[in-house]
């Protein structure tokens, strides 16, 4: 099913989404995108439904064809200070603040958001699979974060961040158990599962 391009056409609207909320290490990234009514971007969809190549190809098309876009992040220490949910919203705020054009409506992926200034917002559950602008934001947030984690991987190859991007895979948890944590791990997260077996 094709995604809807605009929720309405009376005012300028921006789609917002984040990536990396459930990871054990690294920043959470957020993006805000305002699409251009005169340009179309084929293949926009929830970033989780796309291959890595599709996401990377669409990233450059989004950057080229959108009216404007911005990407921002909150690092692991900031996440530990304010909690991951708030960090996700505040990184969205940073992205919105960096847009070249000021939107009058924010379309947020999910069911919660901290209001940004005096701009109206609408939360849309699974919005990245319904609205093109949110899908575009999800793709930018995901590709920028993946790129960042690939750079971190070079310094800490034992954690497999080039593959798991710091999500809580068994590989990642086993590496934490063996090698300990890095300066990029989120200390407010449960980094190791508690031992449940009885000996």
Protein backbone atom coordinates (compact mmCIF):
# COMPACT_ATOMS: atom_id res chain seq x y z
CA UNK A 1 0.00 0.00 0.00
CA UNK A 2 1.39 3.40 -0.99
CA UNK A 3 2.21 5.79 1.82
CA UNK A 4 0.33 9.08 2.09
CA UNK A 5 2.49 12.03 1.06
CA UNK A 6 0.80 14.78 3.10
CA UNK A 7 -1.52 14.65 6.08
CA UNK A 8 -2.91 18.03 5.02
CA UNK A 9 -1.89 20.79 2.61
CA UNK A 10 -2.87 24.00 4.40
CA UNK A 11 0.40 24.40 6.33
CA UNK A 12 3.97 23.15 6.10
CA UNK A 13 4.39 19.82 7.88
CA UNK A 14 7.47 17.90 9.00
CA UNK A 15 7.78 14.19 9.67
CA UNK A 16 9.90 13.11 12.65
CA UNK A 17 11.31 9.76 13.73
CA UNK A 18 14.19 8.29 15.69
CA UNK A 19 16.56 5.31 15.47
CA UNK A 20 18.49 3.43 18.12
CA UNK A 21 16.15 3.73 21.08
CA UNK A 22 16.54 0.04 21.99
CA UNK A 23 20.32 -0.17 21.58
CA UNK A 24 22.76 -0.86 24.41
CA UNK A 25 25.41 1.57 23.17
CA UNK A 26 25.84 4.67 21.07
CA UNK A 27 23.56 7.65 20.51
CA UNK A 28 19.91 7.83 19.61
CA UNK A 29 19.48 9.65 16.28
CA UNK A 30 16.45 11.60 15.13
CA UNK A 31 15.50 13.22 11.84
CA UNK A 32 12.96 15.77 10.68
CA UNK A 33 11.95 16.01 7.01
CA UNK A 34 9.76 18.43 5.08
CA UNK A 35 8.89 17.01 1.67
CA UNK A 36 8.64 19.07 -1.51
CA UNK A 37 5.16 18.97 -3.03
CA UNK A 38 6.70 19.30 -6.50
CA UNK A 39 9.08 16.33 -6.21
CA UNK A 40 8.31 12.67 -5.66
CA UNK A 41 10.48 10.04 -4.00
CA UNK A 42 9.60 6.50 -5.02
CA UNK A 43 9.98 3.60 -2.61
CA UNK A 44 9.60 5.45 0.68
CA UNK A 45 8.66 3.03 3.44
CA UNK A 46 9.35 2.15 7.05
CA UNK A 47 13.16 1.87 7.24
CA UNK A 48 12.85 -1.52 8.98
CA UNK A 49 11.15 -2.95 5.86
CA UNK A 50 13.95 -1.84 3.53
CA UNK A 51 17.32 -3.41 2.81
CA UNK A 52 20.49 -1.55 3.75
CA UNK A 53 21.12 -0.71 0.09
CA UNK A 54 17.56 0.57 -0.37
CA UNK A 55 17.89 2.78 2.71
CA UNK A 56 21.22 4.19 1.60
CA UNK A 57 19.95 4.88 -1.93
CA UNK A 58 16.83 6.58 -0.56
CA UNK A 59 18.87 8.62 1.90
CA UNK A 60 20.57 10.53 -0.89
CA UNK A 61 17.32 10.97 -2.79
CA UNK A 62 15.62 12.32 0.35
CA UNK A 63 18.46 14.75 0.92
CA UNK A 64 18.34 15.88 -2.70
CA UNK A 65 14.58 16.13 -3.20
CA UNK A 66 13.12 17.17 0.17
CA UNK A 67 12.33 20.82 0.84
CA UNK A 68 14.63 20.54 3.85
CA UNK A 69 15.83 17.99 6.40
CA UNK A 70 17.89 17.83 9.57
CA UNK A 71 19.42 15.04 11.65
CA UNK A 72 20.45 15.26 15.31
CA UNK A 73 21.46 12.93 18.14
CA UNK A 74 21.76 12.48 21.89
CA UNK A 75 24.81 10.48 22.99
CA UNK A 76 24.89 7.67 25.54
CA UNK A 77 25.87 9.96 28.44
CA UNK A 78 22.98 12.34 27.67
CA UNK A 79 20.67 9.31 27.44
CA UNK A 80 21.80 8.16 30.88
CA UNK A 81 21.13 11.65 32.27
CA UNK A 82 17.59 12.18 30.97
CA UNK A 83 16.38 8.60 30.07
CA UNK A 84 16.04 7.16 26.58
CA UNK A 85 12.45 8.21 25.90
CA UNK A 86 13.14 11.85 26.72
CA UNK A 87 16.42 11.71 24.80
CA UNK A 88 14.50 10.49 21.74
CA UNK A 89 12.12 13.44 21.95
CA UNK A 90 14.86 15.98 22.65
CA UNK A 91 16.92 14.76 19.70
CA UNK A 92 13.80 15.27 17.56
CA UNK A 93 13.59 18.80 18.97
CA UNK A 94 17.19 19.44 17.90
CA UNK A 95 16.45 18.17 14.39
CA UNK A 96 13.30 20.32 14.10
CA UNK A 97 15.25 23.33 15.35
CA UNK A 98 17.82 22.82 12.60
CA UNK A 99 15.33 22.74 9.71
CA UNK A 100 15.81 25.50 7.15
CA UNK A 101 12.04 26.03 7.00
CA UNK A 102 9.79 26.32 10.04
CA UNK A 103 6.94 23.78 9.98
CA UNK A 104 3.51 24.51 11.42
CA UNK A 105 2.62 20.86 12.01
CA UNK A 106 4.82 18.01 13.27
CA UNK A 107 3.94 14.42 12.42
CA UNK A 108 5.57 12.19 15.04
CA UNK A 109 6.08 8.46 14.76
CA UNK A 110 4.66 6.77 17.86
CA UNK A 111 2.12 7.61 20.52
CA UNK A 112 3.95 10.16 22.68
CA UNK A 113 5.92 13.37 22.26
CA UNK A 114 7.09 16.35 24.26
CA UNK A 115 5.58 19.46 22.60
CA UNK A 116 8.12 21.57 20.70
CA UNK A 117 7.72 25.33 21.19
CA UNK A 118 4.29 26.40 19.93
CA UNK A 119 4.16 24.07 16.93
CA UNK A 120 1.20 21.71 16.79
CA UNK A 121 2.00 18.02 16.64
CA UNK A 122 0.20 14.81 15.83
CA UNK A 123 1.40 11.40 17.02
CA UNK A 124 0.81 8.58 14.53
CA UNK A 125 1.34 5.00 15.66
CA UNK A 126 3.41 3.17 13.02
CA UNK A 127 3.56 6.47 11.17
CA UNK A 128 6.69 5.38 9.31
CA UNK A 129 4.49 2.86 7.48
CA UNK A 130 1.72 5.40 6.80
CA UNK A 131 3.24 8.83 5.99
CA UNK A 132 6.01 9.50 3.49
CA UNK A 133 7.58 12.30 5.54
CA UNK A 134 7.86 10.08 8.63
CA UNK A 135 9.24 7.22 6.53
CA UNK A 136 11.82 9.63 5.11
CA UNK A 137 12.77 10.71 8.64
CA UNK A 138 13.06 7.07 9.74
CA UNK A 139 15.41 6.34 6.82
CA UNK A 140 17.64 9.32 7.58
CA UNK A 141 17.78 8.57 11.31
CA UNK A 142 18.58 4.91 10.65
CA UNK A 143 21.25 5.47 7.97
CA UNK A 144 23.00 8.25 9.90
CA UNK A 145 23.06 6.13 13.06
CA UNK A 146 24.28 3.02 11.22
CA UNK A 147 27.08 5.07 9.65
CA UNK A 148 28.07 6.38 13.10
CA UNK A 149 28.09 2.87 14.61
CA UNK A 150 30.27 1.60 11.75
CA UNK A 151 32.86 4.23 12.72
CA UNK A 152 32.68 3.22 16.39
CA UNK A 153 33.07 -0.43 15.33
CA UNK A 154 36.58 0.30 14.05
CA UNK A 155 37.70 1.03 17.62
CA UNK A 156 35.75 -1.79 19.25
CA UNK A 157 35.46 -4.62 16.69
CA UNK A 158 34.85 -7.32 19.32
CA UNK A 159 31.25 -6.14 19.89
CA UNK A 160 30.11 -6.72 16.29
CA UNK A 161 28.61 -3.25 15.92
CA UNK A 162 29.13 -3.45 12.16
CA UNK A 163 26.47 -6.19 12.22
CA UNK A 164 24.26 -5.57 15.27
CA UNK A 165 24.59 -1.74 15.43
CA UNK A 166 24.63 -2.13 19.27
CA UNK A 167 21.18 -3.71 19.51
CA UNK A 168 20.93 -6.31 22.31
CA UNK A 169 21.77 -9.37 20.24
CA UNK A 170 23.28 -12.44 21.86
CA UNK A 171 26.56 -11.60 20.14
CA UNK A 172 26.60 -8.14 21.70
CA UNK A 173 25.66 -9.38 25.19
CA UNK A 174 28.30 -12.14 25.03
CA UNK A 175 30.94 -9.57 24.07
CA UNK A 176 29.96 -7.37 27.03
CA UNK A 177 30.27 -10.40 29.34
CA UNK A 178 33.71 -11.19 27.93
CA UNK A 179 35.23 -7.74 27.36
CA UNK A 180 33.25 -5.46 29.67
CA UNK A 181 31.76 -2.15 28.60
CA UNK A 182 33.05 0.71 26.47
CA UNK A 183 32.73 4.49 26.96
CA UNK A 184 29.81 4.30 24.50
CA UNK A 185 27.59 1.88 26.44
CA UNK A 186 24.43 3.18 28.10
CA UNK A 187 24.84 2.59 31.82
CA UNK A 188 21.14 3.14 32.48
CA UNK A 189 20.32 0.07 30.37
CA UNK A 190 20.40 -3.58 31.46
CA UNK A 191 23.57 -4.57 29.64
CA UNK A 192 23.58 -8.20 30.74
CA UNK A 193 20.70 -10.57 31.36
CA UNK A 194 20.56 -11.84 34.93
CA UNK A 195 21.67 -15.41 35.40
CA UNK A 196 18.45 -17.38 35.87
CA UNK A 197 19.72 -20.94 35.95
CA UNK A 198 20.07 -22.67 39.30
CA UNK A 199 23.24 -24.60 39.89
